[in-house]
Amino acid sequence: MLEIRKKGCEVCKCEFGCVGFEIKFSLQLKTRFLHTQTHTSTPKPNFIRVPKMASHSEATKLRFGKVYSWLVTNLPKIQIVPTMLNKHEIFNASPHFVSRKSSLGSRTSKKIVPLLLALVSLSTCQRPLSKSPTTMTNFDWQGHRGARGLLPENSIPAFLKALEFPLIKTLELDLAVSADQQLVVSHEPWMSALICQNPDGSAVQKEQEEKLLLYQMTYAQIAQYDCGSRGNSRFPEQKPLKTSKPLLKDVVAAVNAYCRSSRRLQPFYNIELKSEKGWEGKKAPAPAEFAQLVLAEIKKLGIEKRTCLQSFDPRCLQEIRKQAPSQTIALLVENLNGFDANLAELGFKPNIYSPYFKLLNAEVVKKAQEMGIKVVPWTVNETADMQKMLDLGVDGVITDYPDRVPGGGK
């Protein structure tokens, strides 16, 4: 535990004269929590989640001389809730951070306290978080197609946008395959008339979709189509942006670079293999080939241990289980067959059961979890519905709107 407390009036000669701060960092499942204190009308302390900005190994290497630089880098990204001041003025640090007790040097304090003052002044209007799964480090908030409600779906900007929200733990995305065997991030294995436009700038028409199949196009051809400038009529808050369908490897590279620069922990990935019976050879590879391509790529990219592979097509999941028995698997469900029938068709127990959220009830959640299966419903876009899912006790939620997460946001 690291605690820093200093009276603002003694350090920065501020007009308040009685302002103090307490910062507590604790390591719990690679996540830290922040607790700041000052004189305010808020009667009780509130603990809130900090973005996953440093790995456990990085955090444990922090020493007293590096605390200030770490704070300067990361405090602007932390939501701060003001609480009543505890008058104690101490500096304690466990061996996780420093090897000795010491008082803060005045030079360091003069830099830290004004920074905290500015942050607290910006945060006093924010509502304190209630105790709920949103603050649990093991709850899996997923950005659906990145952040489809805010930016064009399955685009690199949408994935990076999702990462701006500290509670987002997983990036959800879809994969199709090009004629030259490239893994393309796309929900449909064709150019959608809803969002895409031709290289000449004209909108793709519905009758063109069957002629613009990604499995029949090279990636060089696919990249010429803009699938963001038109926006999406179903998502009025989405900001139009010129963007093409990216390759999986380019998404991962962009995410890696973003996490390094922002000191955010790497996210997990929830990747759907777009496959249906009758698509083989025309819109997608056969399930065995599709599974092999994806498994090889995530291993090459070094993300296999942070990746869940999902599909509505049980054949793809069966092939994944056969080729990589330890790979995390999620069964996507949108039918009315029921939990038992869906698992019987799959033929094995998946790691995750992922139904449309309106098909979910407390009985299914309880039964799945008793079997050791996590429950992560899709796609939950209203805050009230998210809260209903939390009340059911689900393990995660997939949403187009990371900014609507209860108590979440930036």
Protein backbone atom coordinates (compact mmCIF):
# COMPACT_ATOMS: atom_id res chain seq x y z
CA MET A 1 0.00 0.00 0.00
CA LEU A 2 1.28 3.43 -0.89
CA GLU A 3 -0.19 6.41 0.92
CA ILE A 4 0.69 10.02 0.29
CA ARG A 5 -0.93 12.72 2.41
CA LYS A 6 0.05 16.37 2.50
CA LYS A 7 -1.78 19.49 3.60
CA GLY A 8 -2.14 21.67 0.56
CA CYS A 9 -1.81 24.94 2.50
CA GLU A 10 1.64 24.00 3.75
CA VAL A 11 2.90 22.92 0.36
CA CYS A 12 1.36 25.10 -2.33
CA LYS A 13 0.03 28.02 -0.22
CA CYS A 14 -3.37 27.51 -1.80
CA GLU A 15 -6.31 29.69 -0.84
CA PHE A 16 -8.24 26.80 0.71
CA GLY A 17 -5.80 26.46 3.60
CA CYS A 18 -7.13 23.08 4.65
CA VAL A 19 -6.91 20.95 1.54
CA GLY A 20 -5.13 17.63 1.76
CA PHE A 21 -4.82 14.57 -0.37
CA GLU A 22 -4.49 10.88 0.09
CA ILE A 23 -3.52 8.56 -2.71
CA LYS A 24 -3.65 4.84 -2.19
CA PHE A 25 -2.33 2.39 -4.71
CA SER A 26 -2.86 -1.32 -4.18
CA LEU A 27 -2.10 -4.22 -6.46
CA GLN A 28 -5.06 -6.52 -6.96
CA LEU A 29 -5.32 -8.57 -10.12
CA LYS A 30 -2.98 -6.10 -11.85
CA THR A 31 -5.27 -3.16 -11.12
CA ARG A 32 -4.81 -0.15 -8.91
CA PHE A 33 -7.36 1.91 -7.08
CA LEU A 34 -7.26 5.60 -6.29
CA HIS A 35 -8.76 7.32 -3.28
CA THR A 36 -8.38 11.07 -2.93
CA GLN A 37 -9.52 13.09 0.05
CA THR A 38 -10.32 16.76 0.55
CA HIS A 39 -12.77 18.92 2.49
CA THR A 40 -16.07 18.57 0.66
CA SER A 41 -19.73 17.87 1.26
CA THR A 42 -19.30 14.24 0.19
CA PRO A 43 -19.66 12.31 3.46
CA LYS A 44 -18.06 8.95 2.66
CA PRO A 45 -14.93 7.79 0.86
CA ASN A 46 -15.38 6.15 -2.51
CA PHE A 47 -12.96 3.78 -4.16
CA ILE A 48 -12.91 3.81 -7.95
CA ARG A 49 -11.12 1.81 -10.58
CA VAL A 50 -8.03 3.21 -12.25
CA PRO A 51 -7.23 2.40 -15.90
CA LYS A 52 -4.96 -0.58 -16.31
CA MET A 53 -1.96 1.52 -17.18
CA ALA A 54 0.95 -0.53 -15.94
CA SER A 55 1.59 -4.23 -15.63
CA HIS A 56 2.21 -5.85 -12.26
CA SER A 57 5.91 -6.17 -13.02
CA GLU A 58 6.15 -2.50 -13.97
CA ALA A 59 4.30 -1.40 -10.87
CA THR A 60 6.40 -3.48 -8.50
CA LYS A 61 9.55 -1.92 -9.92
CA LEU A 62 8.43 1.59 -9.00
CA ARG A 63 10.67 3.29 -6.51
CA PHE A 64 10.25 6.51 -4.60
CA GLY A 65 12.15 8.53 -7.17
CA LYS A 66 9.81 7.32 -9.92
CA VAL A 67 6.50 7.88 -8.15
CA TYR A 68 6.19 11.47 -9.30
CA SER A 69 6.84 10.73 -12.98
CA TRP A 70 4.34 7.86 -12.86
CA LEU A 71 1.70 10.14 -11.32
CA VAL A 72 2.27 12.90 -13.86
CA THR A 73 1.89 10.43 -16.71
CA ASN A 74 -1.19 8.68 -15.43
CA LEU A 75 -3.22 10.98 -13.19
CA PRO A 76 -4.80 12.85 -16.11
CA LYS A 77 -6.47 9.58 -17.10
CA ILE A 78 -7.85 8.84 -13.64
CA GLN A 79 -11.33 9.77 -12.51
CA ILE A 80 -11.09 11.28 -9.01
CA VAL A 81 -13.84 11.33 -6.42
CA PRO A 82 -13.42 13.86 -3.57
CA THR A 83 -14.17 12.77 0.00
CA MET A 84 -13.76 14.05 3.56
CA LEU A 85 -10.20 14.81 4.60
CA ASN A 86 -8.39 12.66 7.10
CA LYS A 87 -6.10 15.07 8.96
CA HIS A 88 -3.20 12.64 9.19
CA GLU A 89 -0.14 13.53 7.19
CA ILE A 90 2.00 10.50 6.43
CA PHE A 91 3.91 8.71 3.73
CA ASN A 92 3.93 4.94 3.90
CA ALA A 93 5.08 2.49 1.29
CA SER A 94 5.18 -1.27 1.31
CA PRO A 95 8.07 -3.20 -0.29
CA HIS A 96 5.90 -3.40 -3.43
CA PHE A 97 6.88 0.19 -4.16
CA VAL A 98 9.71 1.42 -1.94
CA SER A 99 11.91 -0.04 0.71
CA ARG A 100 11.66 2.64 3.36
CA LYS A 101 9.38 5.09 5.15
CA SER A 102 10.00 8.67 4.34
CA SER A 103 8.28 12.03 4.15
CA LEU A 104 7.63 13.52 0.75
CA GLY A 105 10.30 15.91 -0.39
CA SER A 106 8.99 19.44 -0.66
CA ARG A 107 10.07 19.70 -4.29
CA THR A 108 8.09 16.60 -5.25
CA SER A 109 5.12 17.67 -3.17
CA LYS A 110 4.99 21.09 -4.80
CA LYS A 111 4.56 19.33 -8.11
CA ILE A 112 2.16 16.60 -7.06
CA VAL A 113 -0.29 18.60 -4.97
CA PRO A 114 -1.12 21.33 -7.53
CA LEU A 115 -1.67 18.58 -10.07
CA LEU A 116 -4.08 16.82 -7.73
CA LEU A 117 -5.81 20.13 -6.94
CA ALA A 118 -6.54 20.68 -10.60
CA LEU A 119 -7.83 17.16 -11.04
CA VAL A 120 -10.06 17.30 -7.98
CA SER A 121 -11.54 20.62 -9.09
CA LEU A 122 -12.54 18.96 -12.36
CA SER A 123 -14.02 15.93 -10.66
CA THR A 124 -16.17 17.41 -7.91
CA CYS A 125 -19.28 17.32 -10.08
CA GLN A 126 -18.95 13.62 -10.84
CA ARG A 127 -21.28 11.16 -9.16
CA PRO A 128 -19.52 8.64 -6.88
CA LEU A 129 -19.61 5.05 -8.04
CA SER A 130 -21.83 2.64 -6.20
CA LYS A 131 -20.58 -0.80 -5.31
CA SER A 132 -21.37 -2.95 -8.31
CA PRO A 133 -19.69 -5.38 -10.73
CA THR A 134 -18.58 -2.37 -12.77
CA THR A 135 -15.81 -1.80 -10.26
CA MET A 136 -14.73 -5.44 -10.07
CA THR A 137 -11.42 -6.18 -11.70
CA ASN A 138 -12.68 -9.48 -13.12
CA PHE A 139 -15.81 -8.15 -14.82
CA ASP A 140 -15.53 -8.24 -18.60
CA TRP A 141 -16.85 -5.12 -20.31
CA GLN A 142 -16.37 -5.60 -24.06
CA GLY A 143 -16.32 -3.00 -26.82
CA HIS A 144 -18.52 -4.43 -29.60
CA ARG A 145 -16.78 -4.01 -32.96
CA GLY A 146 -14.63 -1.56 -31.06
CA ALA A 147 -17.09 1.17 -30.18
CA ARG A 148 -19.68 0.96 -32.95
CA GLY A 149 -21.97 3.47 -31.31
CA LEU A 150 -19.27 6.13 -31.48
CA LEU A 151 -17.06 5.38 -34.51
CA PRO A 152 -17.28 3.16 -37.63
CA GLU A 153 -17.50 -0.49 -36.69
CA ASN A 154 -14.52 -2.83 -36.79
CA SER A 155 -12.18 0.02 -37.65
CA ILE A 156 -8.86 0.78 -36.01
CA PRO A 157 -10.13 4.17 -34.76
CA ALA A 158 -13.11 2.41 -33.12
CA PHE A 159 -10.88 -0.07 -31.31
CA LEU A 160 -8.60 2.68 -30.02
CA LYS A 161 -11.66 4.67 -28.98
CA ALA A 162 -12.87 1.75 -26.88
CA LEU A 163 -9.51 1.64 -25.12
CA GLU A 164 -10.02 5.21 -23.94
CA PHE A 165 -12.60 3.85 -21.50
CA PRO A 166 -10.83 2.29 -18.50
CA LEU A 167 -13.54 -0.30 -17.80
CA ILE A 168 -13.26 -1.87 -21.26
CA LYS A 169 -11.31 -5.06 -20.79
CA THR A 170 -11.93 -6.79 -24.14
CA LEU A 171 -12.17 -5.76 -27.79
CA GLU A 172 -14.85 -7.69 -29.67
CA LEU A 173 -14.42 -8.06 -33.44
CA ASP A 174 -15.32 -10.19 -36.46
CA LEU A 175 -13.17 -11.98 -39.03
CA ALA A 176 -13.64 -12.81 -42.68
CA VAL A 177 -11.05 -14.19 -45.12
CA SER A 178 -9.86 -12.63 -48.38
CA ALA A 179 -9.02 -14.43 -51.61
CA ASP A 180 -5.32 -14.19 -50.71
CA GLN A 181 -5.91 -15.79 -47.30
CA GLN A 182 -5.69 -12.59 -45.27
CA LEU A 183 -7.76 -12.25 -42.07
CA VAL A 184 -9.94 -9.20 -42.60
CA VAL A 185 -11.80 -7.54 -39.71
CA SER A 186 -15.37 -7.34 -41.01
CA HIS A 187 -18.79 -8.29 -39.70
CA GLU A 188 -20.11 -9.34 -43.09
CA PRO A 189 -17.99 -11.34 -45.54
CA TRP A 190 -19.05 -8.81 -48.19
CA MET A 191 -19.22 -5.05 -48.67
CA SER A 192 -22.30 -3.90 -46.79
CA ALA A 193 -24.78 -1.64 -48.57
CA LEU A 194 -25.55 -0.07 -45.19
CA ILE A 195 -22.10 1.43 -44.55
CA CYS A 196 -19.71 0.94 -47.49
CA GLN A 197 -19.02 2.92 -50.62
CA ASN A 198 -17.30 1.98 -53.86
CA PRO A 199 -13.82 3.26 -54.78
CA ASP A 200 -15.48 5.92 -56.96
CA GLY A 201 -17.33 7.27 -53.92
CA SER A 202 -20.78 5.94 -54.79
CA ALA A 203 -22.71 4.00 -52.16
CA VAL A 204 -22.65 0.21 -52.40
CA GLN A 205 -26.11 -0.98 -53.44
CA LYS A 206 -27.89 -3.99 -51.96
CA GLU A 207 -27.73 -5.87 -55.26
CA GLN A 208 -23.94 -5.43 -55.31
CA GLU A 209 -23.33 -7.28 -52.06
CA GLU A 210 -23.36 -10.76 -53.61
CA LYS A 211 -20.78 -9.57 -56.14
CA LEU A 212 -18.50 -7.96 -53.55
CA LEU A 213 -17.66 -11.04 -51.49
CA LEU A 214 -14.45 -10.63 -49.52
CA TYR A 215 -13.50 -14.28 -50.09
CA GLN A 216 -13.45 -13.52 -53.82
CA MET A 217 -11.40 -10.30 -53.48
CA THR A 218 -7.75 -9.74 -52.65
CA TYR A 219 -7.02 -7.54 -49.68
CA ALA A 220 -5.59 -4.88 -51.99
CA GLN A 221 -9.02 -4.69 -53.62
CA ILE A 222 -10.86 -4.73 -50.27
CA ALA A 223 -8.78 -1.84 -48.95
CA GLN A 224 -10.08 0.44 -51.73
CA TYR A 225 -13.59 0.48 -50.23
CA ASP A 226 -14.47 3.11 -47.63
CA CYS A 227 -16.76 1.72 -44.93
CA GLY A 228 -16.88 4.67 -42.56
CA SER A 229 -17.58 7.94 -44.34
CA ARG A 230 -21.29 7.24 -44.74
CA GLY A 231 -21.80 6.68 -41.04
CA ASN A 232 -24.50 4.26 -39.88
CA SER A 233 -28.18 5.22 -39.77
CA ARG A 234 -28.75 2.78 -36.91
CA PHE A 235 -26.22 4.64 -34.75
CA PRO A 236 -26.85 8.39 -34.95
CA GLU A 237 -24.12 9.16 -32.42
CA GLN A 238 -21.50 7.48 -34.61
CA LYS A 239 -19.03 9.96 -36.07
CA PRO A 240 -18.46 9.33 -39.81
CA LEU A 241 -14.84 8.69 -40.63
CA LYS A 242 -13.10 7.55 -43.79
CA THR A 243 -11.75 4.09 -43.07
CA SER A 244 -11.32 0.73 -44.79
CA LYS A 245 -11.62 -2.79 -43.43
CA PRO A 246 -8.33 -3.53 -41.61
CA LEU A 247 -6.38 -6.73 -41.28
CA LEU A 248 -6.31 -8.40 -37.87
CA LYS A 249 -2.55 -7.98 -37.67
CA ASP A 250 -2.86 -4.23 -38.27
CA VAL A 251 -5.47 -3.90 -35.53
CA VAL A 252 -3.23 -5.70 -33.05
CA ALA A 253 -0.23 -3.58 -34.05
CA ALA A 254 -2.23 -0.36 -33.56
CA VAL A 255 -3.55 -1.55 -30.20
CA ASN A 256 -0.06 -2.52 -29.04
CA ALA A 257 1.28 0.90 -29.97
CA TYR A 258 -1.59 2.68 -28.22
CA CYS A 259 -1.14 0.67 -25.03
CA ARG A 260 2.58 1.34 -24.95
CA SER A 261 2.14 5.07 -25.39
CA SER A 262 -0.70 5.35 -22.87
CA ARG A 263 0.70 2.82 -20.39
CA ARG A 264 -2.51 0.83 -20.55
CA LEU A 265 -2.62 -2.91 -19.99
CA GLN A 266 -3.11 -4.88 -23.18
CA PRO A 267 -6.76 -5.78 -23.76
CA PHE A 268 -8.23 -9.19 -24.35
CA TYR A 269 -9.74 -10.04 -27.73
CA ASN A 270 -13.08 -11.71 -28.46
CA ILE A 271 -12.91 -12.73 -32.11
CA GLU A 272 -15.85 -14.09 -34.06
CA LEU A 273 -15.32 -16.39 -37.01
CA LYS A 274 -17.99 -15.44 -39.56
CA SER A 275 -19.22 -18.76 -40.87
CA GLU A 276 -22.49 -20.42 -41.84
CA LYS A 277 -23.46 -23.66 -43.49
CA GLY A 278 -23.39 -23.20 -47.26
CA TRP A 279 -20.76 -20.44 -47.21
CA GLU A 280 -17.79 -22.79 -47.77
CA GLY A 281 -15.75 -21.93 -50.84
CA LYS A 282 -17.89 -18.90 -51.68
CA LYS A 283 -18.11 -16.58 -48.69
CA ALA A 284 -15.71 -18.28 -46.28
CA PRO A 285 -13.28 -21.19 -46.01
CA ALA A 286 -14.42 -24.53 -44.68
CA PRO A 287 -14.55 -24.54 -40.84
CA ALA A 288 -11.36 -26.61 -40.47
CA GLU A 289 -9.38 -24.26 -42.70
CA PHE A 290 -10.88 -21.16 -41.09
CA ALA A 291 -9.97 -22.39 -37.62
CA GLN A 292 -6.43 -23.24 -38.73
CA LEU A 293 -5.90 -19.77 -40.26
CA VAL A 294 -7.11 -17.96 -37.15
CA LEU A 295 -5.25 -20.12 -34.65
CA ALA A 296 -2.00 -19.70 -36.58
CA GLU A 297 -2.44 -15.92 -36.79
CA ILE A 298 -3.24 -15.27 -33.12
CA LYS A 299 -0.26 -17.41 -32.14
CA LYS A 300 1.98 -15.48 -34.55
CA LEU A 301 0.69 -12.20 -33.10
CA GLY A 302 1.28 -13.43 -29.54
CA ILE A 303 -2.31 -12.88 -28.41
CA GLU A 304 -3.61 -16.45 -28.20
CA LYS A 305 -3.67 -16.42 -24.38
CA ARG A 306 -5.63 -13.16 -24.41
CA THR A 307 -8.05 -14.28 -27.09
CA CYS A 308 -11.47 -15.92 -27.00
CA LEU A 309 -12.68 -17.37 -30.28
CA GLN A 310 -16.44 -17.24 -30.78
CA SER A 311 -18.92 -18.23 -33.46
CA PHE A 312 -22.58 -18.94 -34.13
CA ASP A 313 -21.39 -21.90 -36.21
CA PRO A 314 -20.74 -24.89 -33.92
CA ARG A 315 -18.58 -26.49 -36.62
CA CYS A 316 -15.96 -23.76 -36.31
CA LEU A 317 -15.86 -24.11 -32.53
CA GLN A 318 -15.58 -27.89 -32.80
CA GLU A 319 -12.60 -27.49 -35.13
CA ILE A 320 -10.96 -25.01 -32.76
CA ARG A 321 -11.39 -27.42 -29.87
CA LYS A 322 -9.91 -30.22 -31.99
CA GLN A 323 -6.91 -28.19 -33.17
CA ALA A 324 -6.24 -26.21 -29.97
CA PRO A 325 -7.92 -27.85 -26.95
CA SER A 326 -6.79 -25.15 -24.52
CA GLN A 327 -8.05 -22.19 -26.58
CA THR A 328 -10.81 -20.15 -24.92
CA ILE A 329 -14.10 -20.63 -26.78
CA ALA A 330 -17.45 -18.83 -26.65
CA LEU A 331 -20.70 -20.14 -28.11
CA LEU A 332 -22.75 -17.33 -29.65
CA VAL A 333 -26.51 -17.85 -29.47
CA GLU A 334 -29.47 -16.08 -31.07
CA ASN A 335 -31.92 -18.99 -31.34
CA LEU A 336 -34.74 -20.06 -29.03
CA ASN A 337 -33.51 -23.64 -28.59
CA GLY A 338 -32.42 -23.12 -25.00
CA PHE A 339 -29.21 -23.61 -23.05
CA ASP A 340 -29.23 -27.43 -22.90
CA ALA A 341 -30.03 -27.91 -26.58
CA ASN A 342 -27.36 -25.46 -27.68
CA LEU A 343 -24.68 -27.17 -25.60
CA ALA A 344 -25.82 -30.57 -26.88
CA GLU A 345 -25.42 -29.40 -30.48
CA LEU A 346 -21.96 -28.04 -29.73
CA GLY A 347 -20.91 -31.33 -28.16
CA PHE A 348 -18.66 -29.95 -25.43
CA LYS A 349 -18.68 -27.39 -22.64
CA PRO A 350 -17.51 -23.98 -23.91
CA ASN A 351 -15.69 -21.52 -21.69
CA ILE A 352 -18.32 -18.87 -22.34
CA TYR A 353 -22.02 -18.92 -23.22
CA SER A 354 -22.84 -15.74 -25.15
CA PRO A 355 -26.53 -15.25 -26.00
CA TYR A 356 -28.52 -12.24 -27.17
CA PHE A 357 -29.20 -10.48 -23.89
CA LYS A 358 -33.00 -10.66 -24.17
CA LEU A 359 -32.77 -14.47 -24.21
CA LEU A 360 -31.08 -14.49 -20.83
CA ASN A 361 -32.60 -15.07 -17.39
CA ALA A 362 -31.36 -15.81 -13.88
CA GLU A 363 -31.93 -19.55 -14.28
CA VAL A 364 -29.66 -19.80 -17.32
CA VAL A 365 -26.95 -17.69 -15.66
CA LYS A 366 -27.04 -19.83 -12.52
CA LYS A 367 -26.98 -23.11 -14.43
CA ALA A 368 -24.12 -22.07 -16.68
CA GLN A 369 -21.98 -20.73 -13.86
CA GLU A 370 -22.57 -23.87 -11.78
CA MET A 371 -21.10 -25.77 -14.74
CA GLY A 372 -18.07 -23.48 -14.78
CA ILE A 373 -19.26 -21.62 -17.89
CA LYS A 374 -19.10 -17.83 -17.91
CA VAL A 375 -22.02 -15.84 -19.29
CA VAL A 376 -21.37 -12.81 -21.51
CA PRO A 377 -24.48 -11.48 -23.30
CA TRP A 378 -24.59 -9.29 -26.43
CA THR A 379 -25.29 -6.54 -27.51
CA VAL A 380 -26.43 -4.42 -24.56
CA ASN A 381 -26.63 -0.74 -25.45
CA GLU A 382 -28.92 0.90 -22.91
CA THR A 383 -27.59 1.62 -19.43
CA ALA A 384 -30.78 0.29 -17.81
CA ASP A 385 -30.38 -3.02 -19.66
CA MET A 386 -26.72 -3.19 -18.65
CA GLN A 387 -27.79 -2.84 -15.03
CA LYS A 388 -30.32 -5.65 -15.48
CA MET A 389 -27.55 -7.88 -16.74
CA LEU A 390 -25.39 -6.95 -13.76
CA ASP A 391 -28.28 -7.81 -11.46
CA LEU A 392 -28.53 -11.23 -13.10
CA GLY A 393 -24.89 -11.82 -12.17
CA VAL A 394 -23.39 -12.18 -15.64
CA ASP A 395 -19.61 -12.30 -16.06
CA GLY A 396 -19.37 -9.67 -18.77
CA VAL A 397 -21.34 -7.49 -21.17
CA ILE A 398 -20.76 -6.69 -24.84
CA THR A 399 -21.80 -3.18 -25.85
CA ASP A 400 -21.57 -0.72 -28.74
CA TYR A 401 -21.44 2.14 -26.24
CA PRO A 402 -18.55 1.97 -23.75
CA ASP A 403 -19.54 5.46 -22.62
CA ARG A 404 -22.87 4.14 -21.32
CA VAL A 405 -21.42 1.61 -18.90
CA PRO A 406 -23.01 2.21 -15.46
CA GLY A 407 -20.63 4.37 -13.46
CA GLY A 408 -18.13 4.06 -16.30
CA GLY A 409 -17.06 6.42 -19.02
CA LYS A 410 -13.70 8.08 -18.90
